[in-house]
Each structure stands twice: as structure tokens, then as C-alpha cells.
Amino acid sequence: MTYKIFSIYLFVMVARPQDYFTFLQPLRPALLLGVLSALALVFSKGGLQLNEVLRLSETIIMIIGIPFSLYRRQAFDFTFLMYSSNILFFFLFILGNNSFDRLRKSMFVIILSAFAYAIFCLSGGSFRDGRFLFGTMFDPNGLAYFFISLLPLSLYFIIHNKGRIKQGIIGLITFGTSILITILTASRAGIIAFMITFITMVFTIKLSINKKILLTSVLIVMSAMYYDRINIDRYSTIVNIEKDYNLTAEEGRLTIWKRSIKIILEHPIIGVGVTCFGEAIGTIRVEMDLPPKWQSAHNSYLEVAGELGLIGLFVFLSMSFGCLKHFYLLSKERGESKFGIELQTISRLLFLSTVGCLVGASFLSE
């Protein structure tokens, strides 16, 4: 029962049914199921073994920085009222997936969630200024980031589909729709992350010729169906970057990144406080006699360094590349049994997902 409750919680966190069934929003399904999952785990036979998952270095830095933040109330509210839900989710995920069978089931729940979200995106999404978007949770860049991060996991059910035909079909559709939605968002960050992830995928994942043909066919069909909606002009700026507004405009990303470095140099130890990057940019603009405007970093690494200082950046990078290291080492483990071979595949796919996340994070405030 404990794992079943967690599975529903996982689906709600990833698929976000409240985005398309709006009557669910007042019920706060994610919060409700998170609390129920935690209670079920506490009263289960194993109990809550927090010492197995307690790694709070970054959170401690966030808390220490609150009194020194530019906007203390905002930093406090985010850390204790919003970020705490992230901590709860990861605790429950690690503690709940204490066997290979459960990990495999959770991967399917994640892919099923991405499948559901993709279907509702394509049926209920819209275009604004030539860019695809859906719901209120993600802007087009965030939507691309979401699908690229989960894209490699769908390959697991395509590769290991023996006796799991339905799961294989869902994985195949999810793979195709994830790429399609990413392309439709006209997110240049998303397409760069996809290209790097895909190239890495080609050299690390072995697929039979039949499966390669099948994947290619799905992509061709879906792209042909939506070809007239793909924003080719926006993508062309990737190879014609000197004309891009981000390089020349006062509010472009290059200018913001330069101001980010100024923030880091002025607050190198503890930063300006979690979620206070926008206030810091606004302060700099006022000092320069420019209209006050709170702007995002559009780069997760600069944002972390600006908000948590260089110590926070070090912890963040250590965690991120620590994930890459462990997934890589696990992917190289020799597995002769079905369990070992499948775990090796999962490790490779998680490595690819992490690559997608880290590349996308270079251009987005995620």
C-alpha cells in the first residue's frame, strides 16, 4: 500500500493532472499525496531511515544565507514553504525505491506521466508568437527542459520490451511526442540540449536496426504532421547568432550574464539569498539609472552562484557531476543476469537524462 500511494504521488508530481483537470487544483493533490506518502512510510514496517538519504549541504547553505538575503522574507518562504516539498519528494523517492523491481515500476510511472502530459499538451496546447506552450507551470523553454530531461528514460521500455509490449508502445510514443513538443516550443536551449543528448545517446545506447527504423519512422511521421507549425526562423538564429537580440539588447542574456558575474564578485561567499537574483539585478539596473526590472539569470549555474555564493555553486556542481560519475560507473558494471543488464541500461539512460538537464540548465533558470 505504501508504494501504491507513492506511485500515485509520483504520477501527480510529474504528469500534473491538475493542469488539465482544473477542478483538482483546490484539492492540492500533490501536497495531499505527499503527506499521505510520508505518513504511510513512517508507519510502514521499515520506517523512515533518514540517515540513508540525508544530504542537505545545499539546503544548509540556503538557510544560513537567509539573514543576509536581499529579501529575507522571500528567501525564508521559498526555503521552508516551497523547497521543502522538493526535499520531501526526493526522500520519498529514494526510500520508496529500495529494490530493482520498484525502480523499474517507478520509471514506468514517470514515462506514463510524460506520456499523459504530452498527449494533453498536444490536444490542449496553443501557439503564441510561433512558440508552443501549455498550462501555467512551464513556459516554452521550461516545457522543452521537462521533456528533454525525461526523454532518455522512455528508451528503457523500447530496449527491454520483451513481455512488456504495452509499455514498449507507450515508451515509443513518449519518445516521439517528447521530441516533437520540444521542437514545437522553438526553444533554442531545448534544441541544443536535445542535440547533445541525442548525439551522446547514439554513441552510448545500442539499438537493433529494426528499433532504429521504428524510432526514425515515428519522428518523421510526427514532424510531417506538424511541419507547418515548426518555427524555422527562430532556429535559424542558432547558426546566425551575431544578429540575435541576446547578444545586442540591453535586456538580452549576455548583458544579464555580465551582471550576474558582478553579483557573484560582490557577494562571493554567501550570495544574495535564494530566489533573490531578480532583486539583485533590479538593484543594479537602478544604480545604472535604468528602469527597475527583475530579470531571471537564464543560467542555473550563475543563478546558484549569485544566490548561494561560490560555496553553494561548489556543492551544486559536486552533486550534479557526482550523479554523472555514479551513473557512468554503474553503466560500466558487468551484468550477466537480466537484473544486471537492465540496471546497466537504466544507468546509461539516467546518465543521458542528467546530461540533458545540465546542458539545458546552462540556458535556463531551472
Foldseek 3Di string as FASTA:
>chain_A
DLLVLLLVLLLCVQLVVCQVVVVCVVVVVNVVSLVVSLVCQCPDPVHQPVVVPDDCPLLVLQVVLLVQAPDNVVSVCCSPPPVVSVVSNVSSVVVSCPDLVSVVVSLLSNLVSLLNNLVCQVVPWDDDPLFIDGGDPDQLLRLLLSLQLSLLSLVLCCAPVVVPVVSNVSSLSSNQSSVLNNQSRLHLLSVVLNVVLVVLCVVQPDDDPVSVVSSVVSNVVSCVVCVVSGPVVSNVCVVVVVPDCLVPPCQHLVVLLVLLVVLQVVVAAAANHPPCQQVSVQVVCVVVVHHRGRDDNQAQLSNQCRHGHPVSSVVVVCVLVVLLVVLVVLLPDDDPDPSSPSSNSVSSSNNSSSSSNNSSNGRHND
